[in-house]
Amino acid sequence: MDEEDPGGGVTSILPTTVTQMPDVLTAAVASVAKVVEEGYEGAQIWGSILKAPIWTWITRRPAPEAIAVPSVEQFQMYQEAAKGLIRYITLAPEHDPDHRLTRYCASNGVAVSMGHSSASYEKALL
């Protein structure tokens, strides 16, 4: 190792959104895509995580006015703005009717994680 390359440290990142209004989320994921497209120095950006505005209405949340019902169409809008870079999404499965968004994401290479949920084990199952 030399002084210019000490080795180790952060090598890759996935910038993550927080629950916010659609225009803010769209701008955030588009900004990540722009940085990747234009080039930058630093850790490799593997994609982004959409911490979706799809939380349970029961838990405490930072932006209640931004809570939304899961929608494939809305996710597609975000993914288009992100130029396909959304790699993970977090949502409350009890608000995803018939697990439609979960299934769509899974079939399109986007990992889905359960978060901020009040779902029972049975309800969360696909």
N, C-alpha and C. Protein backbone atom coordinates (compact mmCIF):
# COMPACT_ATOMS: atom_id res chain seq x y z
N MET A 1 0.84 -1.19 0.00
CA MET A 1 0.00 0.00 0.00
C MET A 1 0.88 1.24 0.00
N ASP A 2 0.41 2.26 -0.71
CA ASP A 2 1.13 3.52 -0.70
C ASP A 2 0.22 4.61 -0.15
N GLU A 3 0.74 5.82 -0.04
CA GLU A 3 -0.04 6.91 0.55
C GLU A 3 -1.25 7.30 -0.28
N GLU A 4 -1.16 7.15 -1.62
CA GLU A 4 -2.28 7.52 -2.46
C GLU A 4 -3.37 6.46 -2.49
N ASP A 5 -3.03 5.23 -2.21
CA ASP A 5 -4.01 4.14 -2.20
C ASP A 5 -3.82 3.33 -0.93
N PRO A 6 -4.43 3.78 0.15
CA PRO A 6 -4.24 3.08 1.41
C PRO A 6 -4.93 1.71 1.46
N GLY A 7 -5.80 1.40 0.49
CA GLY A 7 -6.51 0.12 0.48
C GLY A 7 -7.66 0.14 1.47
N GLY A 8 -8.58 -0.75 1.25
CA GLY A 8 -9.72 -0.85 2.17
C GLY A 8 -10.67 0.31 2.01
N GLY A 9 -11.54 0.46 2.95
CA GLY A 9 -12.51 1.53 2.91
C GLY A 9 -13.74 1.15 2.11
N VAL A 10 -14.57 2.12 1.84
CA VAL A 10 -15.81 1.90 1.10
C VAL A 10 -15.48 1.78 -0.38
N THR A 11 -15.90 0.70 -0.98
CA THR A 11 -15.62 0.49 -2.40
C THR A 11 -16.87 0.60 -3.27
N SER A 12 -18.05 0.36 -2.68
CA SER A 12 -19.30 0.39 -3.44
C SER A 12 -20.43 0.90 -2.56
N ILE A 13 -21.36 1.60 -3.18
CA ILE A 13 -22.50 2.15 -2.43
C ILE A 13 -23.79 1.98 -3.22
N LEU A 14 -24.90 2.05 -2.52
CA LEU A 14 -26.23 2.12 -3.12
C LEU A 14 -26.95 3.29 -2.46
N PRO A 15 -26.91 4.47 -3.07
CA PRO A 15 -27.62 5.60 -2.46
C PRO A 15 -29.08 5.24 -2.21
N THR A 16 -29.59 5.70 -1.08
CA THR A 16 -30.93 5.30 -0.62
C THR A 16 -31.82 6.51 -0.42
N THR A 17 -33.05 6.42 -0.90
CA THR A 17 -34.01 7.50 -0.69
C THR A 17 -34.71 7.31 0.66
N VAL A 18 -35.41 8.33 1.05
CA VAL A 18 -36.30 8.27 2.22
C VAL A 18 -37.70 8.59 1.73
N THR A 19 -38.69 8.29 2.54
CA THR A 19 -40.06 8.59 2.15
C THR A 19 -40.19 10.08 1.89
N GLN A 20 -40.69 10.38 0.72
CA GLN A 20 -40.81 11.77 0.28
C GLN A 20 -41.87 11.84 -0.81
N MET A 21 -42.24 13.03 -1.19
CA MET A 21 -43.23 13.22 -2.24
C MET A 21 -42.65 12.74 -3.58
N PRO A 22 -43.53 12.31 -4.51
CA PRO A 22 -43.07 11.75 -5.78
C PRO A 22 -42.08 12.62 -6.56
N ASP A 23 -42.29 13.92 -6.60
CA ASP A 23 -41.37 14.77 -7.36
C ASP A 23 -39.97 14.78 -6.76
N VAL A 24 -39.89 14.71 -5.45
CA VAL A 24 -38.60 14.70 -4.77
C VAL A 24 -37.90 13.35 -4.99
N LEU A 25 -38.66 12.25 -4.88
CA LEU A 25 -38.09 10.92 -5.12
C LEU A 25 -37.61 10.79 -6.57
N THR A 26 -38.40 11.28 -7.49
CA THR A 26 -38.02 11.21 -8.91
C THR A 26 -36.71 11.96 -9.13
N ALA A 27 -36.61 13.16 -8.58
CA ALA A 27 -35.39 13.95 -8.73
C ALA A 27 -34.19 13.25 -8.08
N ALA A 28 -34.41 12.60 -6.94
CA ALA A 28 -33.31 11.93 -6.24
C ALA A 28 -32.76 10.77 -7.06
N VAL A 29 -33.63 9.91 -7.57
CA VAL A 29 -33.13 8.76 -8.33
C VAL A 29 -32.55 9.19 -9.67
N ALA A 30 -33.11 10.27 -10.24
CA ALA A 30 -32.55 10.80 -11.49
C ALA A 30 -31.16 11.38 -11.25
N SER A 31 -30.94 11.98 -10.10
CA SER A 31 -29.62 12.54 -9.77
C SER A 31 -28.56 11.46 -9.67
N VAL A 32 -28.92 10.34 -9.07
CA VAL A 32 -27.98 9.22 -8.98
C VAL A 32 -27.62 8.74 -10.39
N ALA A 33 -28.63 8.59 -11.22
CA ALA A 33 -28.39 8.13 -12.60
C ALA A 33 -27.49 9.11 -13.35
N LYS A 34 -27.69 10.39 -13.14
CA LYS A 34 -26.88 11.42 -13.81
C LYS A 34 -25.42 11.33 -13.38
N VAL A 35 -25.19 11.15 -12.09
CA VAL A 35 -23.83 11.02 -11.58
C VAL A 35 -23.15 9.80 -12.19
N VAL A 36 -23.85 8.68 -12.23
CA VAL A 36 -23.29 7.46 -12.81
C VAL A 36 -22.97 7.68 -14.29
N GLU A 37 -23.90 8.30 -14.99
CA GLU A 37 -23.75 8.52 -16.43
C GLU A 37 -22.58 9.47 -16.74
N GLU A 38 -22.43 10.51 -15.95
CA GLU A 38 -21.40 11.52 -16.22
C GLU A 38 -20.03 11.13 -15.69
N GLY A 39 -19.99 10.18 -14.78
CA GLY A 39 -18.72 9.77 -14.19
C GLY A 39 -18.40 10.58 -12.94
N TYR A 40 -17.60 9.99 -12.09
CA TYR A 40 -17.27 10.60 -10.81
C TYR A 40 -16.09 9.83 -10.22
N GLU A 41 -15.51 10.38 -9.18
CA GLU A 41 -14.46 9.67 -8.45
C GLU A 41 -15.06 9.18 -7.14
N GLY A 42 -14.66 8.01 -6.73
CA GLY A 42 -15.14 7.51 -5.46
C GLY A 42 -15.66 6.09 -5.57
N ALA A 43 -16.37 5.69 -4.54
CA ALA A 43 -16.92 4.35 -4.49
C ALA A 43 -17.84 4.10 -5.67
N GLN A 44 -17.84 2.87 -6.14
CA GLN A 44 -18.69 2.49 -7.27
C GLN A 44 -20.16 2.52 -6.83
N ILE A 45 -21.00 3.12 -7.65
CA ILE A 45 -22.44 3.12 -7.38
C ILE A 45 -23.04 1.92 -8.09
N TRP A 46 -23.53 0.96 -7.30
CA TRP A 46 -24.10 -0.26 -7.86
C TRP A 46 -25.54 -0.07 -8.30
N GLY A 47 -26.15 0.98 -7.87
CA GLY A 47 -27.55 1.25 -8.14
C GLY A 47 -28.09 2.04 -6.97
N SER A 48 -29.40 2.06 -6.83
CA SER A 48 -29.97 2.77 -5.69
C SER A 48 -31.05 1.94 -5.01
N ILE A 49 -31.37 2.35 -3.81
CA ILE A 49 -32.42 1.71 -3.03
C ILE A 49 -33.57 2.70 -2.89
N LEU A 50 -34.75 2.28 -3.31
CA LEU A 50 -35.94 3.10 -3.14
C LEU A 50 -36.60 2.66 -1.85
N LYS A 51 -36.38 3.43 -0.82
CA LYS A 51 -37.07 3.16 0.44
C LYS A 51 -38.43 3.78 0.23
N ALA A 52 -39.28 2.96 -0.29
CA ALA A 52 -40.54 3.41 -0.87
C ALA A 52 -41.43 4.14 0.13
N PRO A 53 -42.25 5.00 -0.42
CA PRO A 53 -43.26 5.66 0.42
C PRO A 53 -44.44 4.71 0.64
N ILE A 54 -44.11 3.45 0.90
CA ILE A 54 -45.13 2.41 1.01
C ILE A 54 -44.97 1.72 2.37
N TRP A 55 -45.12 2.49 3.38
CA TRP A 55 -45.00 1.99 4.74
C TRP A 55 -46.39 1.72 5.27
N THR A 56 -46.45 1.04 6.38
CA THR A 56 -47.73 0.83 7.02
C THR A 56 -48.23 2.16 7.60
N TRP A 57 -49.53 2.31 7.63
CA TRP A 57 -50.12 3.53 8.18
C TRP A 57 -50.14 3.50 9.70
N ILE A 58 -49.76 2.38 10.29
CA ILE A 58 -49.83 2.25 11.74
C ILE A 58 -48.55 2.74 12.41
N THR A 59 -47.41 2.51 11.79
CA THR A 59 -46.15 2.87 12.41
C THR A 59 -45.87 4.36 12.30
N ARG A 60 -44.95 4.81 13.12
CA ARG A 60 -44.50 6.20 13.07
C ARG A 60 -43.75 6.41 11.77
N ARG A 61 -43.99 7.50 11.12
CA ARG A 61 -43.32 7.75 9.85
C ARG A 61 -42.97 9.23 9.71
N PRO A 62 -41.92 9.52 8.95
CA PRO A 62 -41.45 10.89 8.87
C PRO A 62 -42.27 11.81 7.97
N ALA A 63 -42.97 11.29 6.98
CA ALA A 63 -43.70 12.13 6.03
C ALA A 63 -45.05 11.50 5.71
N PRO A 64 -46.02 11.57 6.63
CA PRO A 64 -47.29 10.89 6.41
C PRO A 64 -48.00 11.30 5.12
N GLU A 65 -47.81 12.53 4.69
CA GLU A 65 -48.46 12.97 3.45
C GLU A 65 -47.86 12.31 2.21
N ALA A 66 -46.71 11.67 2.35
CA ALA A 66 -46.05 11.03 1.22
C ALA A 66 -46.34 9.53 1.14
N ILE A 67 -47.06 8.99 2.10
CA ILE A 67 -47.37 7.56 2.09
C ILE A 67 -48.26 7.24 0.89
N ALA A 68 -47.91 6.19 0.17
CA ALA A 68 -48.65 5.83 -1.05
C ALA A 68 -48.95 4.34 -1.08
N VAL A 69 -49.99 3.98 -1.80
CA VAL A 69 -50.30 2.57 -2.04
C VAL A 69 -49.32 2.07 -3.09
N PRO A 70 -48.78 0.86 -2.93
CA PRO A 70 -47.84 0.33 -3.92
C PRO A 70 -48.45 0.34 -5.32
N SER A 71 -47.67 0.76 -6.28
CA SER A 71 -48.15 0.86 -7.64
C SER A 71 -47.03 0.50 -8.61
N VAL A 72 -47.29 -0.47 -9.47
CA VAL A 72 -46.30 -0.82 -10.50
C VAL A 72 -46.04 0.39 -11.37
N GLU A 73 -47.09 1.11 -11.73
CA GLU A 73 -46.94 2.27 -12.61
C GLU A 73 -46.06 3.35 -11.97
N GLN A 74 -46.26 3.60 -10.69
CA GLN A 74 -45.44 4.61 -10.02
C GLN A 74 -43.99 4.13 -9.93
N PHE A 75 -43.79 2.85 -9.62
CA PHE A 75 -42.43 2.32 -9.57
C PHE A 75 -41.77 2.45 -10.94
N GLN A 76 -42.50 2.14 -12.00
CA GLN A 76 -41.94 2.25 -13.35
C GLN A 76 -41.50 3.69 -13.64
N MET A 77 -42.27 4.66 -13.14
CA MET A 77 -41.90 6.06 -13.31
C MET A 77 -40.57 6.35 -12.63
N TYR A 78 -40.42 5.85 -11.40
CA TYR A 78 -39.16 6.05 -10.67
C TYR A 78 -38.01 5.33 -11.39
N GLN A 79 -38.26 4.11 -11.82
CA GLN A 79 -37.21 3.33 -12.47
C GLN A 79 -36.79 3.98 -13.80
N GLU A 80 -37.73 4.56 -14.51
CA GLU A 80 -37.39 5.27 -15.75
C GLU A 80 -36.50 6.47 -15.44
N ALA A 81 -36.86 7.24 -14.41
CA ALA A 81 -36.04 8.39 -14.01
C ALA A 81 -34.66 7.95 -13.56
N ALA A 82 -34.60 6.76 -12.94
CA ALA A 82 -33.33 6.21 -12.44
C ALA A 82 -32.53 5.51 -13.52
N LYS A 83 -33.07 5.48 -14.73
CA LYS A 83 -32.44 4.78 -15.86
C LYS A 83 -32.10 3.33 -15.52
N GLY A 84 -33.04 2.70 -14.80
CA GLY A 84 -32.92 1.29 -14.48
C GLY A 84 -32.01 0.97 -13.30
N LEU A 85 -31.58 1.99 -12.57
CA LEU A 85 -30.61 1.76 -11.49
C LEU A 85 -31.21 1.41 -10.14
N ILE A 86 -32.53 1.40 -10.01
CA ILE A 86 -33.11 0.99 -8.72
C ILE A 86 -32.93 -0.52 -8.62
N ARG A 87 -32.16 -0.96 -7.62
CA ARG A 87 -31.83 -2.37 -7.45
C ARG A 87 -32.59 -3.02 -6.28
N TYR A 88 -33.01 -2.18 -5.33
CA TYR A 88 -33.73 -2.67 -4.14
C TYR A 88 -34.87 -1.71 -3.85
N ILE A 89 -35.95 -2.28 -3.29
CA ILE A 89 -37.07 -1.45 -2.83
C ILE A 89 -37.53 -2.01 -1.49
N THR A 90 -37.89 -1.13 -0.59
CA THR A 90 -38.43 -1.53 0.71
C THR A 90 -39.88 -1.09 0.76
N LEU A 91 -40.75 -2.01 1.16
CA LEU A 91 -42.17 -1.67 1.26
C LEU A 91 -42.85 -2.49 2.35
N ALA A 92 -44.05 -2.04 2.71
CA ALA A 92 -44.89 -2.77 3.67
C ALA A 92 -45.80 -3.69 2.85
N PRO A 93 -45.56 -5.01 2.88
CA PRO A 93 -46.28 -5.93 1.99
C PRO A 93 -47.78 -5.97 2.20
N GLU A 94 -48.24 -5.61 3.38
CA GLU A 94 -49.69 -5.67 3.61
C GLU A 94 -50.44 -4.61 2.81
N HIS A 95 -49.71 -3.67 2.22
CA HIS A 95 -50.35 -2.63 1.41
C HIS A 95 -50.08 -2.83 -0.08
N ASP A 96 -49.54 -3.98 -0.44
CA ASP A 96 -49.25 -4.30 -1.83
C ASP A 96 -50.29 -5.33 -2.29
N PRO A 97 -51.43 -4.86 -2.85
CA PRO A 97 -52.52 -5.77 -3.22
C PRO A 97 -52.03 -6.91 -4.11
N ASP A 98 -52.32 -8.14 -3.68
CA ASP A 98 -51.91 -9.34 -4.41
C ASP A 98 -50.40 -9.39 -4.67
N HIS A 99 -49.66 -8.64 -3.89
CA HIS A 99 -48.19 -8.56 -4.04
C HIS A 99 -47.80 -8.20 -5.47
N ARG A 100 -48.61 -7.37 -6.08
CA ARG A 100 -48.40 -7.00 -7.48
C ARG A 100 -47.05 -6.32 -7.70
N LEU A 101 -46.74 -5.30 -6.90
CA LEU A 101 -45.46 -4.60 -7.06
C LEU A 101 -44.30 -5.51 -6.68
N THR A 102 -44.46 -6.29 -5.63
CA THR A 102 -43.41 -7.22 -5.22
C THR A 102 -43.09 -8.19 -6.36
N ARG A 103 -44.11 -8.75 -6.96
CA ARG A 103 -43.91 -9.70 -8.06
C ARG A 103 -43.28 -9.01 -9.28
N TYR A 104 -43.75 -7.81 -9.57
CA TYR A 104 -43.20 -7.07 -10.71
C TYR A 104 -41.70 -6.81 -10.50
N CYS A 105 -41.36 -6.31 -9.32
CA CYS A 105 -39.95 -6.02 -9.04
C CYS A 105 -39.10 -7.28 -9.12
N ALA A 106 -39.56 -8.34 -8.46
CA ALA A 106 -38.81 -9.59 -8.45
C ALA A 106 -38.59 -10.12 -9.87
N SER A 107 -39.59 -9.99 -10.73
CA SER A 107 -39.45 -10.50 -12.10
C SER A 107 -38.60 -9.58 -12.97
N ASN A 108 -38.27 -8.40 -12.45
CA ASN A 108 -37.44 -7.46 -13.20
C ASN A 108 -36.10 -7.20 -12.53
N GLY A 109 -35.67 -8.13 -11.68
CA GLY A 109 -34.34 -8.04 -11.09
C GLY A 109 -34.17 -7.04 -9.98
N VAL A 110 -35.27 -6.59 -9.39
CA VAL A 110 -35.21 -5.64 -8.28
C VAL A 110 -35.55 -6.39 -6.99
N ALA A 111 -34.62 -6.39 -6.04
CA ALA A 111 -34.85 -7.07 -4.77
C ALA A 111 -35.87 -6.28 -3.94
N VAL A 112 -36.76 -7.01 -3.28
CA VAL A 112 -37.80 -6.39 -2.46
C VAL A 112 -37.57 -6.79 -1.01
N SER A 113 -37.51 -5.79 -0.14
CA SER A 113 -37.38 -6.09 1.28
C SER A 113 -38.59 -5.53 2.01
N MET A 114 -38.96 -6.25 3.05
CA MET A 114 -40.10 -5.84 3.87
C MET A 114 -39.59 -4.87 4.92
N GLY A 115 -40.28 -3.75 5.05
CA GLY A 115 -39.86 -2.79 6.07
C GLY A 115 -41.01 -1.91 6.52
N HIS A 116 -40.90 -1.41 7.72
CA HIS A 116 -41.88 -0.49 8.28
C HIS A 116 -43.28 -1.07 8.11
N SER A 117 -43.41 -2.31 8.52
CA SER A 117 -44.63 -3.06 8.27
C SER A 117 -45.27 -3.52 9.57
N SER A 118 -46.57 -3.72 9.49
CA SER A 118 -47.28 -4.35 10.62
C SER A 118 -47.90 -5.66 10.17
N ALA A 119 -47.40 -6.20 9.06
CA ALA A 119 -47.94 -7.45 8.51
C ALA A 119 -47.58 -8.64 9.39
N SER A 120 -48.49 -9.58 9.46
CA SER A 120 -48.20 -10.85 10.11
C SER A 120 -47.32 -11.67 9.18
N TYR A 121 -46.74 -12.72 9.70
CA TYR A 121 -45.91 -13.60 8.88
C TYR A 121 -46.71 -14.14 7.70
N GLU A 122 -47.94 -14.57 7.97
CA GLU A 122 -48.79 -15.13 6.93
C GLU A 122 -49.11 -14.10 5.86
N LYS A 123 -49.39 -12.87 6.24
CA LYS A 123 -49.74 -11.82 5.29
C LYS A 123 -48.55 -11.45 4.42
N ALA A 124 -47.36 -11.54 4.97
CA ALA A 124 -46.16 -11.15 4.23
C ALA A 124 -45.72 -12.20 3.24
N LEU A 125 -46.20 -13.43 3.38
CA LEU A 125 -45.81 -14.49 2.47
C LEU A 125 -46.37 -14.24 1.07
N LEU A 126 -45.63 -14.66 0.08
CA LEU A 126 -46.12 -14.54 -1.29
C LEU A 126 -47.03 -15.69 -1.62
